[in-house]
C-alpha atoms as a PDB file:
ATOM      1  CA  UNK A   1     -79.736  74.070  44.153  1.00  0.00           C
ATOM      2  CA  UNK A   2     -79.327  70.453  45.196  1.00  0.00           C
ATOM      3  CA  UNK A   3     -78.452  69.245  48.664  1.00  0.00           C
ATOM      4  CA  UNK A   4     -77.274  65.868  49.818  1.00  0.00           C
ATOM      5  CA  UNK A   5     -79.645  62.974  50.415  1.00  0.00           C
ATOM      6  CA  UNK A   6     -79.075  63.342  54.155  1.00  0.00           C
ATOM      7  CA  UNK A   7     -80.368  66.923  54.108  1.00  0.00           C
ATOM      8  CA  UNK A   8     -83.357  65.945  51.971  1.00  0.00           C
ATOM      9  CA  UNK A   9     -84.189  63.098  54.330  1.00  0.00           C
ATOM     10  CA  UNK A  10     -84.038  65.311  57.414  1.00  0.00           C
ATOM     11  CA  UNK A  11     -86.480  67.745  55.790  1.00  0.00           C
ATOM     12  CA  UNK A  12     -88.785  64.871  54.881  1.00  0.00           C
ATOM     13  CA  UNK A  13     -88.694  63.379  58.385  1.00  0.00           C
ATOM     14  CA  UNK A  14     -89.651  66.720  59.914  1.00  0.00           C
ATOM     15  CA  UNK A  15     -92.573  67.017  57.512  1.00  0.00           C
ATOM     16  CA  UNK A  16     -93.858  63.456  57.879  1.00  0.00           C
ATOM     17  CA  UNK A  17     -95.426  63.817  61.339  1.00  0.00           C
ATOM     18  CA  UNK A  18     -97.624  66.857  60.550  1.00  0.00           C
ATOM     19  CA  UNK A  19     -98.454  65.205  57.210  1.00  0.00           C
ATOM     20  CA  UNK A  20     -99.656  62.023  58.952  1.00  0.00           C
ATOM     21  CA  UNK A  21    -101.372  63.933  61.765  1.00  0.00           C
ATOM     22  CA  UNK A  22    -103.465  65.815  59.200  1.00  0.00           C
ATOM     23  CA  UNK A  23    -104.756  62.423  58.020  1.00  0.00           C
ATOM     24  CA  UNK A  24    -106.152  60.801  61.196  1.00  0.00           C
ATOM     25  CA  UNK A  25    -107.660  57.969  59.183  1.00  0.00           C
ATOM     26  CA  UNK A  26    -104.248  57.028  57.880  1.00  0.00           C
ATOM     27  CA  UNK A  27    -102.740  57.200  54.399  1.00  0.00           C
ATOM     28  CA  UNK A  28    -101.560  54.558  51.977  1.00  0.00           C
ATOM     29  CA  UNK A  29     -97.789  54.218  51.849  1.00  0.00           C
ATOM     30  CA  UNK A  30     -97.866  54.425  48.053  1.00  0.00           C
ATOM     31  CA  UNK A  31     -99.775  57.728  48.217  1.00  0.00           C
ATOM     32  CA  UNK A  32     -97.440  59.204  50.826  1.00  0.00           C
ATOM     33  CA  UNK A  33     -94.403  58.185  48.793  1.00  0.00           C
ATOM     34  CA  UNK A  34     -95.867  59.895  45.752  1.00  0.00           C
ATOM     35  CA  UNK A  35     -96.608  63.066  47.734  1.00  0.00           C
ATOM     36  CA  UNK A  36     -93.008  63.232  48.982  1.00  0.00           C
ATOM     37  CA  UNK A  37     -91.491  62.291  45.645  1.00  0.00           C
ATOM     38  CA  UNK A  38     -89.670  59.177  46.876  1.00  0.00           C
ATOM     39  CA  UNK A  39     -89.969  55.431  46.391  1.00  0.00           C
ATOM     40  CA  UNK A  40     -92.116  53.290  48.676  1.00  0.00           C
ATOM     41  CA  UNK A  41     -88.944  51.602  49.913  1.00  0.00           C
ATOM     42  CA  UNK A  42     -87.419  54.959  50.876  1.00  0.00           C
ATOM     43  CA  UNK A  43     -90.595  56.067  52.643  1.00  0.00           C
ATOM     44  CA  UNK A  44     -90.791  52.828  54.632  1.00  0.00           C
ATOM     45  CA  UNK A  45     -87.187  53.400  55.672  1.00  0.00           C
ATOM     46  CA  UNK A  46     -88.096  56.913  56.825  1.00  0.00           C
ATOM     47  CA  UNK A  47     -91.038  55.577  58.851  1.00  0.00           C
ATOM     48  CA  UNK A  48     -88.829  52.960  60.497  1.00  0.00           C
ATOM     49  CA  UNK A  49     -86.362  55.702  61.435  1.00  0.00           C
ATOM     50  CA  UNK A  50     -89.147  57.822  62.946  1.00  0.00           C
ATOM     51  CA  UNK A  51     -89.835  54.982  65.391  1.00  0.00           C
ATOM     52  CA  UNK A  52     -86.427  55.772  66.945  1.00  0.00           C
ATOM     53  CA  UNK A  53     -87.041  59.536  67.222  1.00  0.00           C
ATOM     54  CA  UNK A  54     -88.693  61.437  70.010  1.00  0.00           C
ATOM     55  CA  UNK A  55     -88.048  63.094  73.350  1.00  0.00           C
ATOM     56  CA  UNK A  56     -85.000  62.788  75.647  1.00  0.00           C
ATOM     57  CA  UNK A  57     -85.149  59.621  77.674  1.00  0.00           C
ATOM     58  CA  UNK A  58     -85.919  57.442  74.653  1.00  0.00           C
ATOM     59  CA  UNK A  59     -88.303  55.275  76.668  1.00  0.00           C
ATOM     60  CA  UNK A  60     -91.506  53.720  75.331  1.00  0.00           C
ATOM     61  CA  UNK A  61     -93.493  56.847  76.208  1.00  0.00           C
ATOM     62  CA  UNK A  62     -90.944  59.207  74.689  1.00  0.00           C
ATOM     63  CA  UNK A  63     -90.661  57.972  71.100  1.00  0.00           C
ATOM     64  CA  UNK A  64     -92.864  58.618  68.085  1.00  0.00           C
ATOM     65  CA  UNK A  65     -95.283  55.739  67.518  1.00  0.00           C
ATOM     66  CA  UNK A  66     -96.844  54.658  64.229  1.00  0.00           C
ATOM     67  CA  UNK A  67     -99.449  52.069  63.366  1.00  0.00           C
ATOM     68  CA  UNK A  68     -99.689  50.035  60.160  1.00  0.00           C
ATOM     69  CA  UNK A  69    -102.922  48.483  58.923  1.00  0.00           C
ATOM     70  CA  UNK A  70    -102.267  46.691  55.676  1.00  0.00           C
ATOM     71  CA  UNK A  71    -100.712  49.266  53.360  1.00  0.00           C
ATOM     72  CA  UNK A  72    -101.963  52.238  55.411  1.00  0.00           C
ATOM     73  CA  UNK A  73    -100.032  54.068  58.142  1.00  0.00           C
ATOM     74  CA  UNK A  74    -101.096  56.596  60.752  1.00  0.00           C
ATOM     75  CA  UNK A  75     -99.383  58.220  63.718  1.00  0.00           C
ATOM     76  CA  UNK A  76    -100.564  57.254  67.220  1.00  0.00           C
ATOM     77  CA  UNK A  77     -98.113  59.363  69.258  1.00  0.00           C
ATOM     78  CA  UNK A  78     -96.356  62.493  67.974  1.00  0.00           C
ATOM     79  CA  UNK A  79     -93.885  62.966  70.883  1.00  0.00           C
ATOM     80  CA  UNK A  80     -94.684  66.685  70.795  1.00  0.00           C
ATOM     81  CA  UNK A  81     -93.757  67.181  67.148  1.00  0.00           C
ATOM     82  CA  UNK A  82     -96.988  69.117  66.496  1.00  0.00           C
ATOM     83  CA  UNK A  83     -96.835  71.141  69.720  1.00  0.00           C
ATOM     84  CA  UNK A  84     -96.563  74.914  69.059  1.00  0.00           C
ATOM     85  CA  UNK A  85     -92.982  76.126  69.392  1.00  0.00           C
ATOM     86  CA  UNK A  86     -92.431  78.410  72.389  1.00  0.00           C
ATOM     87  CA  UNK A  87     -89.193  80.385  72.394  1.00  0.00           C
ATOM     88  CA  UNK A  88     -87.471  81.936  75.381  1.00  0.00           C
ATOM     89  CA  UNK A  89     -86.471  85.594  75.089  1.00  0.00           C
ATOM     90  CA  UNK A  90     -82.842  84.662  74.361  1.00  0.00           C
ATOM     91  CA  UNK A  91     -83.897  82.127  71.731  1.00  0.00           C
ATOM     92  CA  UNK A  92     -86.205  84.627  70.028  1.00  0.00           C
ATOM     93  CA  UNK A  93     -83.521  87.327  69.928  1.00  0.00           C
ATOM     94  CA  UNK A  94     -80.936  84.864  68.557  1.00  0.00           C
ATOM     95  CA  UNK A  95     -83.354  83.778  65.837  1.00  0.00           C
ATOM     96  CA  UNK A  96     -84.223  87.360  64.881  1.00  0.00           C
ATOM     97  CA  UNK A  97     -80.528  88.270  64.622  1.00  0.00           C
ATOM     98  CA  UNK A  98     -79.841  85.174  62.514  1.00  0.00           C
ATOM     99  CA  UNK A  99     -82.705  85.934  60.130  1.00  0.00           C
ATOM    100  CA  UNK A 100     -81.683  89.582  59.782  1.00  0.00           C
ATOM    101  CA  UNK A 101     -78.133  88.474  59.070  1.00  0.00           C
ATOM    102  CA  UNK A 102     -79.376  86.043  56.443  1.00  0.00           C
ATOM    103  CA  UNK A 103     -81.286  88.820  54.678  1.00  0.00           C
ATOM    104  CA  UNK A 104     -78.019  90.753  54.291  1.00  0.00           C
ATOM    105  CA  UNK A 105     -76.446  88.000  52.224  1.00  0.00           C
ATOM    106  CA  UNK A 106     -76.097  88.844  48.528  1.00  0.00           C
ATOM    107  CA  UNK A 107     -77.893  86.609  46.080  1.00  0.00           C
ATOM    108  CA  UNK A 108     -80.178  85.027  48.662  1.00  0.00           C
ATOM    109  CA  UNK A 109     -82.618  82.923  46.671  1.00  0.00           C
ATOM    110  CA  UNK A 110     -85.238  82.533  49.431  1.00  0.00           C
ATOM    111  CA  UNK A 111     -85.426  86.186  50.482  1.00  0.00           C
ATOM    112  CA  UNK A 112     -89.224  86.338  50.521  1.00  0.00           C
ATOM    113  CA  UNK A 113     -89.513  83.225  52.695  1.00  0.00           C
ATOM    114  CA  UNK A 114     -86.878  84.552  55.112  1.00  0.00           C
ATOM    115  CA  UNK A 115     -88.679  87.921  55.316  1.00  0.00           C
ATOM    116  CA  UNK A 116     -91.964  86.192  56.159  1.00  0.00           C
ATOM    117  CA  UNK A 117     -90.285  84.083  58.841  1.00  0.00           C
ATOM    118  CA  UNK A 118     -88.638  87.175  60.335  1.00  0.00           C
ATOM    119  CA  UNK A 119     -91.961  89.031  60.468  1.00  0.00           C
ATOM    120  CA  UNK A 120     -93.654  86.109  62.243  1.00  0.00           C
ATOM    121  CA  UNK A 121     -90.877  85.631  64.805  1.00  0.00           C
ATOM    122  CA  UNK A 122     -90.635  89.375  65.450  1.00  0.00           C
ATOM    123  CA  UNK A 123     -94.391  89.633  66.002  1.00  0.00           C
ATOM    124  CA  UNK A 124     -94.381  86.681  68.382  1.00  0.00           C
ATOM    125  CA  UNK A 125     -91.344  87.948  70.303  1.00  0.00           C
ATOM    126  CA  UNK A 126     -92.729  91.479  70.737  1.00  0.00           C
ATOM    127  CA  UNK A 127     -90.335  93.977  72.361  1.00  0.00           C
ATOM    128  CA  UNK A 128     -87.721  91.255  72.808  1.00  0.00           C
ATOM    129  CA  UNK A 129     -87.170  91.316  69.044  1.00  0.00           C
ATOM    130  CA  UNK A 130     -86.255  95.027  69.087  1.00  0.00           C
ATOM    131  CA  UNK A 131     -82.534  94.352  69.173  1.00  0.00           C
ATOM    132  CA  UNK A 132     -79.793  96.818  68.383  1.00  0.00           C
ATOM    133  CA  UNK A 133     -79.002  96.764  64.640  1.00  0.00           C
ATOM    134  CA  UNK A 134     -76.332  94.214  63.872  1.00  0.00           C
ATOM    135  CA  UNK A 135     -73.417  95.043  61.597  1.00  0.00           C
ATOM    136  CA  UNK A 136     -73.072  92.187  59.135  1.00  0.00           C
ATOM    137  CA  UNK A 137     -69.840  91.518  57.305  1.00  0.00           C
ATOM    138  CA  UNK A 138     -70.325  89.202  54.341  1.00  0.00           C
ATOM    139  CA  UNK A 139     -67.160  87.230  53.624  1.00  0.00           C
ATOM    140  CA  UNK A 140     -65.784  86.260  50.247  1.00  0.00           C
ATOM    141  CA  UNK A 141     -67.443  82.842  50.321  1.00  0.00           C
ATOM    142  CA  UNK A 142     -70.915  84.401  50.434  1.00  0.00           C
ATOM    143  CA  UNK A 143     -70.031  86.731  47.585  1.00  0.00           C
ATOM    144  CA  UNK A 144     -68.767  83.759  45.580  1.00  0.00           C
ATOM    145  CA  UNK A 145     -71.983  81.884  46.334  1.00  0.00           C
ATOM    146  CA  UNK A 146     -74.032  84.823  45.051  1.00  0.00           C
ATOM    147  CA  UNK A 147     -72.065  84.977  41.781  1.00  0.00           C
ATOM    148  CA  UNK A 148     -72.358  81.215  41.243  1.00  0.00           C
ATOM    149  CA  UNK A 149     -76.112  81.352  41.853  1.00  0.00           C
ATOM    150  CA  UNK A 150     -76.392  84.177  39.343  1.00  0.00           C
ATOM    151  CA  UNK A 151     -74.579  82.066  36.735  1.00  0.00           C
ATOM    152  CA  UNK A 152     -76.820  79.069  37.383  1.00  0.00           C
ATOM    153  CA  UNK A 153     -79.994  81.150  37.138  1.00  0.00           C
ATOM    154  CA  UNK A 154     -78.872  82.873  33.937  1.00  0.00           C
ATOM    155  CA  UNK A 155     -77.268  79.675  32.558  1.00  0.00           C
ATOM    156  CA  UNK A 156     -73.954  81.414  31.942  1.00  0.00           C
ATOM    157  CA  UNK A 157     -70.404  80.083  32.015  1.00  0.00           C
ATOM    158  CA  UNK A 158     -67.964  81.072  34.762  1.00  0.00           C
ATOM    159  CA  UNK A 159     -64.279  81.923  34.914  1.00  0.00           C
ATOM    160  CA  UNK A 160     -62.640  80.719  38.135  1.00  0.00           C
ATOM    161  CA  UNK A 161     -59.372  81.306  39.926  1.00  0.00           C
ATOM    162  CA  UNK A 162     -59.241  78.124  41.967  1.00  0.00           C
ATOM    163  CA  UNK A 163     -56.802  76.750  44.548  1.00  0.00           C
ATOM    164  CA  UNK A 164     -56.025  73.032  44.262  1.00  0.00           C
ATOM    165  CA  UNK A 165     -54.692  71.937  47.697  1.00  0.00           C
ATOM    166  CA  UNK A 166     -53.531  68.506  46.518  1.00  0.00           C
ATOM    167  CA  UNK A 167     -51.021  70.241  44.229  1.00  0.00           C
ATOM    168  CA  UNK A 168     -50.647  73.477  46.215  1.00  0.00           C
ATOM    169  CA  UNK A 169     -51.472  75.251  42.971  1.00  0.00           C
ATOM    170  CA  UNK A 170     -53.682  78.119  41.878  1.00  0.00           C
ATOM    171  CA  UNK A 171     -55.375  77.563  38.557  1.00  0.00           C
ATOM    172  CA  UNK A 172     -57.543  79.458  36.086  1.00  0.00           C
ATOM    173  CA  UNK A 173     -60.322  77.688  34.256  1.00  0.00           C
ATOM    174  CA  UNK A 174     -63.588  78.233  32.458  1.00  0.00           C
ATOM    175  CA  UNK A 175     -66.470  76.037  33.603  1.00  0.00           C
ATOM    176  CA  UNK A 176     -70.063  75.325  32.669  1.00  0.00           C
ATOM    177  CA  UNK A 177     -72.089  75.319  35.944  1.00  0.00           C
ATOM    178  CA  UNK A 178     -74.412  72.359  36.528  1.00  0.00           C
ATOM    179  CA  UNK A 179     -75.618  72.609  40.148  1.00  0.00           C
ATOM    180  CA  UNK A 180     -74.794  73.723  43.696  1.00  0.00           C
ATOM    181  CA  UNK A 181     -74.224  71.168  46.435  1.00  0.00           C
ATOM    182  CA  UNK A 182     -74.261  71.680  50.193  1.00  0.00           C
ATOM    183  CA  UNK A 183     -72.302  68.820  51.771  1.00  0.00           C
ATOM    184  CA  UNK A 184     -71.252  68.701  55.437  1.00  0.00           C
ATOM    185  CA  UNK A 185     -71.810  72.436  55.786  1.00  0.00           C
ATOM    186  CA  UNK A 186     -69.664  73.383  52.752  1.00  0.00           C
ATOM    187  CA  UNK A 187     -70.803  74.709  49.386  1.00  0.00           C
ATOM    188  CA  UNK A 188     -69.574  73.090  46.182  1.00  0.00           C
ATOM    189  CA  UNK A 189     -70.105  73.980  42.542  1.00  0.00           C
ATOM    190  CA  UNK A 190     -70.452  70.989  40.248  1.00  0.00           C
ATOM    191  CA  UNK A 191     -69.495  72.010  36.739  1.00  0.00           C
ATOM    192  CA  UNK A 192     -68.036  70.833  33.459  1.00  0.00           C
ATOM    193  CA  UNK A 193     -64.416  71.994  33.457  1.00  0.00           C
ATOM    194  CA  UNK A 194     -63.308  72.874  29.934  1.00  0.00           C
ATOM    195  CA  UNK A 195     -59.655  72.684  30.950  1.00  0.00           C
ATOM    196  CA  UNK A 196     -59.736  68.990  31.922  1.00  0.00           C
ATOM    197  CA  UNK A 197     -62.817  68.133  29.835  1.00  0.00           C
ATOM    198  CA  UNK A 198     -64.619  66.496  32.729  1.00  0.00           C
ATOM    199  CA  UNK A 199     -67.087  67.095  35.562  1.00  0.00           C
ATOM    200  CA  UNK A 200     -65.431  68.524  38.667  1.00  0.00           C
ATOM    201  CA  UNK A 201     -66.502  69.726  42.121  1.00  0.00           C
ATOM    202  CA  UNK A 202     -65.167  73.117  43.194  1.00  0.00           C
ATOM    203  CA  UNK A 203     -65.278  74.007  46.886  1.00  0.00           C
ATOM    204  CA  UNK A 204     -66.405  77.610  47.079  1.00  0.00           C
ATOM    205  CA  UNK A 205     -64.083  78.574  49.935  1.00  0.00           C
ATOM    206  CA  UNK A 206     -61.176  77.692  47.613  1.00  0.00           C
ATOM    207  CA  UNK A 207     -62.355  80.003  44.838  1.00  0.00           C
ATOM    208  CA  UNK A 208     -60.174  83.119  44.864  1.00  0.00           C
ATOM    209  CA  UNK A 209     -62.105  84.935  42.154  1.00  0.00           C
ATOM    210  CA  UNK A 210     -65.160  84.188  40.006  1.00  0.00           C
ATOM    211  CA  UNK A 211     -66.693  86.065  37.065  1.00  0.00           C
ATOM    212  CA  UNK A 212     -69.880  85.382  35.114  1.00  0.00           C
ATOM    213  CA  UNK A 213     -69.017  85.261  31.426  1.00  0.00           C
ATOM    214  CA  UNK A 214     -71.130  86.651  28.603  1.00  0.00           C
ATOM    215  CA  UNK A 215     -71.560  83.224  27.032  1.00  0.00           C
ATOM    216  CA  UNK A 216     -74.030  80.426  27.718  1.00  0.00           C
ATOM    217  CA  UNK A 217     -73.147  77.455  29.895  1.00  0.00           C
ATOM    218  CA  UNK A 218     -73.082  74.364  27.705  1.00  0.00           C
ATOM    219  CA  UNK A 219     -72.186  71.151  29.565  1.00  0.00           C
ATOM    220  CA  UNK A 220     -71.827  68.344  26.986  1.00  0.00           C
ATOM    221  CA  UNK A 221     -74.277  65.409  26.941  1.00  0.00           C
ATOM    222  CA  UNK A 222     -71.765  63.170  28.742  1.00  0.00           C
ATOM    223  CA  UNK A 223     -71.657  65.535  31.761  1.00  0.00           C
ATOM    224  CA  UNK A 224     -73.484  63.775  34.602  1.00  0.00           C
ATOM    225  CA  UNK A 225     -73.824  64.764  38.253  1.00  0.00           C
ATOM    226  CA  UNK A 226     -71.812  62.847  40.812  1.00  0.00           C
ATOM    227  CA  UNK A 227     -73.456  60.701  43.484  1.00  0.00           C
ATOM    228  CA  UNK A 228     -72.248  62.291  46.740  1.00  0.00           C
ATOM    229  CA  UNK A 229     -74.119  59.990  49.133  1.00  0.00           C
ATOM    230  CA  UNK A 230     -70.761  58.397  50.033  1.00  0.00           C
ATOM    231  CA  UNK A 231     -69.039  61.762  50.445  1.00  0.00           C
ATOM    232  CA  UNK A 232     -67.547  64.375  48.150  1.00  0.00           C
ATOM    233  CA  UNK A 233     -64.082  62.889  47.969  1.00  0.00           C
ATOM    234  CA  UNK A 234     -64.124  59.539  46.205  1.00  0.00           C
ATOM    235  CA  UNK A 235     -60.594  58.419  45.283  1.00  0.00           C
ATOM    236  CA  UNK A 236     -59.995  56.210  42.294  1.00  0.00           C
ATOM    237  CA  UNK A 237     -59.751  52.479  43.048  1.00  0.00           C
ATOM    238  CA  UNK A 238     -56.169  51.533  43.749  1.00  0.00           C
ATOM    239  CA  UNK A 239     -55.070  55.007  44.868  1.00  0.00           C
ATOM    240  CA  UNK A 240     -52.131  54.754  47.313  1.00  0.00           C
ATOM    241  CA  UNK A 241     -52.969  54.911  51.017  1.00  0.00           C
ATOM    242  CA  UNK A 242     -50.984  57.392  53.111  1.00  0.00           C
ATOM    243  CA  UNK A 243     -51.125  57.044  56.889  1.00  0.00           C
ATOM    244  CA  UNK A 244     -49.907  59.976  58.965  1.00  0.00           C
ATOM    245  CA  UNK A 245     -49.622  60.746  62.647  1.00  0.00           C
ATOM    246  CA  UNK A 246     -50.260  64.429  63.238  1.00  0.00           C
ATOM    247  CA  UNK A 247     -49.124  66.393  66.274  1.00  0.00           C
ATOM    248  CA  UNK A 248     -51.633  68.583  68.052  1.00  0.00           C
ATOM    249  CA  UNK A 249     -50.560  71.621  66.019  1.00  0.00           C
ATOM    250  CA  UNK A 250     -51.277  69.815  62.729  1.00  0.00           C
ATOM    251  CA  UNK A 251     -54.728  68.401  63.489  1.00  0.00           C
ATOM    252  CA  UNK A 252     -56.179  71.031  61.168  1.00  0.00           C
ATOM    253  CA  UNK A 253     -55.067  68.839  58.250  1.00  0.00           C
ATOM    254  CA  UNK A 254     -57.974  66.463  58.936  1.00  0.00           C
ATOM    255  CA  UNK A 255     -60.433  69.355  58.619  1.00  0.00           C
ATOM    256  CA  UNK A 256     -58.923  70.945  55.510  1.00  0.00           C
ATOM    257  CA  UNK A 257     -58.128  67.863  53.430  1.00  0.00           C
ATOM    258  CA  UNK A 258     -60.406  64.879  52.668  1.00  0.00           C
ATOM    259  CA  UNK A 259     -59.389  61.954  54.888  1.00  0.00           C
ATOM    260  CA  UNK A 260     -60.707  58.389  55.007  1.00  0.00           C
ATOM    261  CA  UNK A 261     -60.377  58.138  58.792  1.00  0.00           C
ATOM    262  CA  UNK A 262     -59.102  60.110  61.785  1.00  0.00           C
ATOM    263  CA  UNK A 263     -58.373  58.550  65.173  1.00  0.00           C
ATOM    264  CA  UNK A 264     -56.977  60.284  68.293  1.00  0.00           C
ATOM    265  CA  UNK A 265     -53.590  58.910  69.406  1.00  0.00           C
ATOM    266  CA  UNK A 266     -51.268  59.451  72.354  1.00  0.00           C
ATOM    267  CA  UNK A 267     -48.104  59.351  70.242  1.00  0.00           C
ATOM    268  CA  UNK A 268     -47.558  62.204  69.674  1.00  0.00           C
ATOM    269  CA  UNK A 269     -49.461  63.562  72.710  1.00  0.00           C
ATOM    270  CA  UNK A 270     -52.833  64.916  71.651  1.00  0.00           C
ATOM    271  CA  UNK A 271     -52.168  63.711  68.130  1.00  0.00           C
ATOM    272  CA  UNK A 272     -54.348  62.359  65.389  1.00  0.00           C
ATOM    273  CA  UNK A 273     -53.774  59.371  63.092  1.00  0.00           C
ATOM    274  CA  UNK A 274     -55.262  59.998  59.647  1.00  0.00           C
ATOM    275  CA  UNK A 275     -55.582  57.967  56.473  1.00  0.00           C
ATOM    276  CA  UNK A 276     -55.541  59.733  53.116  1.00  0.00           C
ATOM    277  CA  UNK A 277     -55.873  58.321  49.621  1.00  0.00           C
ATOM    278  CA  UNK A 278     -54.135  60.219  46.848  1.00  0.00           C
ATOM    279  CA  UNK A 279     -52.903  59.409  43.381  1.00  0.00           C
ATOM    280  CA  UNK A 280     -50.224  62.105  43.796  1.00  0.00           C
ATOM    281  CA  UNK A 281     -47.593  61.051  46.343  1.00  0.00           C
ATOM    282  CA  UNK A 282     -45.615  64.170  45.456  1.00  0.00           C
ATOM    283  CA  UNK A 283     -48.440  66.155  47.078  1.00  0.00           C
ATOM    284  CA  UNK A 284     -48.118  64.044  50.235  1.00  0.00           C
ATOM    285  CA  UNK A 285     -44.364  64.732  50.272  1.00  0.00           C
ATOM    286  CA  UNK A 286     -44.966  68.475  50.089  1.00  0.00           C
ATOM    287  CA  UNK A 287     -47.652  68.338  52.772  1.00  0.00           C
ATOM    288  CA  UNK A 288     -45.494  66.457  55.284  1.00  0.00           C
ATOM    289  CA  UNK A 289     -42.476  68.659  54.537  1.00  0.00           C
ATOM    290  CA  UNK A 290     -44.574  71.799  55.124  1.00  0.00           C
ATOM    291  CA  UNK A 291     -45.624  70.457  58.537  1.00  0.00           C
ATOM    292  CA  UNK A 292     -42.023  70.114  59.708  1.00  0.00           C
ATOM    293  CA  UNK A 293     -41.848  67.884  62.753  1.00  0.00           C
ATOM    294  CA  UNK A 294     -45.616  67.926  63.247  1.00  0.00           C
ATOM    295  CA  UNK A 295     -46.276  64.911  61.020  1.00  0.00           C
ATOM    296  CA  UNK A 296     -44.858  61.384  60.887  1.00  0.00           C
ATOM    297  CA  UNK A 297     -45.399  58.990  57.975  1.00  0.00           C
ATOM    298  CA  UNK A 298     -46.396  55.462  58.965  1.00  0.00           C
ATOM    299  CA  UNK A 299     -47.207  54.285  55.444  1.00  0.00           C
ATOM    300  CA  UNK A 300     -45.975  53.853  52.821  1.00  0.00           C
ATOM    301  CA  UNK A 301     -42.415  53.310  54.007  1.00  0.00           C
ATOM    302  CA  UNK A 302     -40.976  54.538  50.714  1.00  0.00           C
ATOM    303  CA  UNK A 303     -42.678  57.901  51.174  1.00  0.00           C
ATOM    304  CA  UNK A 304     -41.021  58.417  54.560  1.00  0.00           C
ATOM    305  CA  UNK A 305     -37.617  57.610  53.008  1.00  0.00           C
ATOM    306  CA  UNK A 306     -38.125  60.137  50.203  1.00  0.00           C
ATOM    307  CA  UNK A 307     -39.204  62.863  52.641  1.00  0.00           C
ATOM    308  CA  UNK A 308     -36.116  62.184  54.772  1.00  0.00           C
ATOM    309  CA  UNK A 309     -33.921  62.409  51.656  1.00  0.00           C
ATOM    310  CA  UNK A 310     -35.551  65.728  50.719  1.00  0.00           C
ATOM    311  CA  UNK A 311     -34.812  67.065  54.220  1.00  0.00           C
ATOM    312  CA  UNK A 312     -31.174  65.969  54.089  1.00  0.00           C
ATOM    313  CA  UNK A 313     -30.770  67.592  50.657  1.00  0.00           C
ATOM    314  CA  UNK A 314     -32.259  70.847  51.954  1.00  0.00           C
ATOM    315  CA  UNK A 315     -29.890  70.870  54.926  1.00  0.00           C
ATOM    316  CA  UNK A 316     -26.943  70.197  52.618  1.00  0.00           C
ATOM    317  CA  UNK A 317     -27.766  73.269  50.518  1.00  0.00           C
ATOM    318  CA  UNK A 318     -27.399  75.317  53.692  1.00  0.00           C
ATOM    319  CA  UNK A 319     -24.151  73.607  54.574  1.00  0.00           C
ATOM    320  CA  UNK A 320     -25.699  71.832  57.545  1.00  0.00           C
ATOM    321  CA  UNK A 321     -24.957  68.193  58.155  1.00  0.00           C
ATOM    322  CA  UNK A 322     -27.961  66.020  58.825  1.00  0.00           C
ATOM    323  CA  UNK A 323     -27.958  64.303  62.240  1.00  0.00           C
ATOM    324  CA  UNK A 324     -26.894  60.670  62.140  1.00  0.00           C
ATOM    325  CA  UNK A 325     -29.766  58.143  62.286  1.00  0.00           C
ATOM    326  CA  UNK A 326     -29.950  56.341  65.593  1.00  0.00           C
ATOM    327  CA  UNK A 327     -29.443  52.601  65.497  1.00  0.00           C
ATOM    328  CA  UNK A 328     -32.517  50.384  66.052  1.00  0.00           C
END
């Protein structure tokens, strides 16, 4: 499994303070970079970021402090990062429930580590951890995740039934899994798609059905992982820009579809102005039409005209005359 650079960096930042504290005489930046598997430049960037982290208040006595002597660095103030964690009763119970829920997930790769963490928290919490058994319902996304992990571990191909929102279409395809990505809280499968003969990202909550095939996964040599540091959705250069104003009831569009920007607006009241890039303007026509009066097209002007023509044609088929356009 591979996560985004942001997730990796957060893990590294949390580990840096205890790492430096265990070396009171300091450590060479080159050595620390090697231990964490990053470049010296990346590690220096992490250390500079740590200077801005610490306790609420963010005053001089609240932030982590580091000292550099030549090419060596050591921590002079940890801001409590090495202080033993003390949980309240409610926090301990919530953590126990979360860990027990996690153990119920099919295909959990880190089951042993989760079990050890649960045992430690339960022992520390004492009677507070003796909560009523929790009924866990695992949704389809977790089941899909388990199947995809199985295929990756066994290096087998997959057959997917996949929904493509940009075309409002359900497709079937055979793919060769390459890796799992966790981006912005959503799971994606990166795989070589035999149907389009290219590397594609498949969002797991859009997979309707998935089956591990009895044949090996064989991505071709030209199949390379995508750099997702800039986000999952990376439109082709020159893709048309569509600007929409969404009413309150259509704000969900910004959460479901990849948008370049989203800004609250007062017209319509409680609305949201979003910018979307798509090479398929027909998809944008269908999206706006499906939203009825909950979306207005600001750009491109030609798209708004075509949507209006589609609406007039639909009314005509029902024998209804379209209202006359107001002057000005």
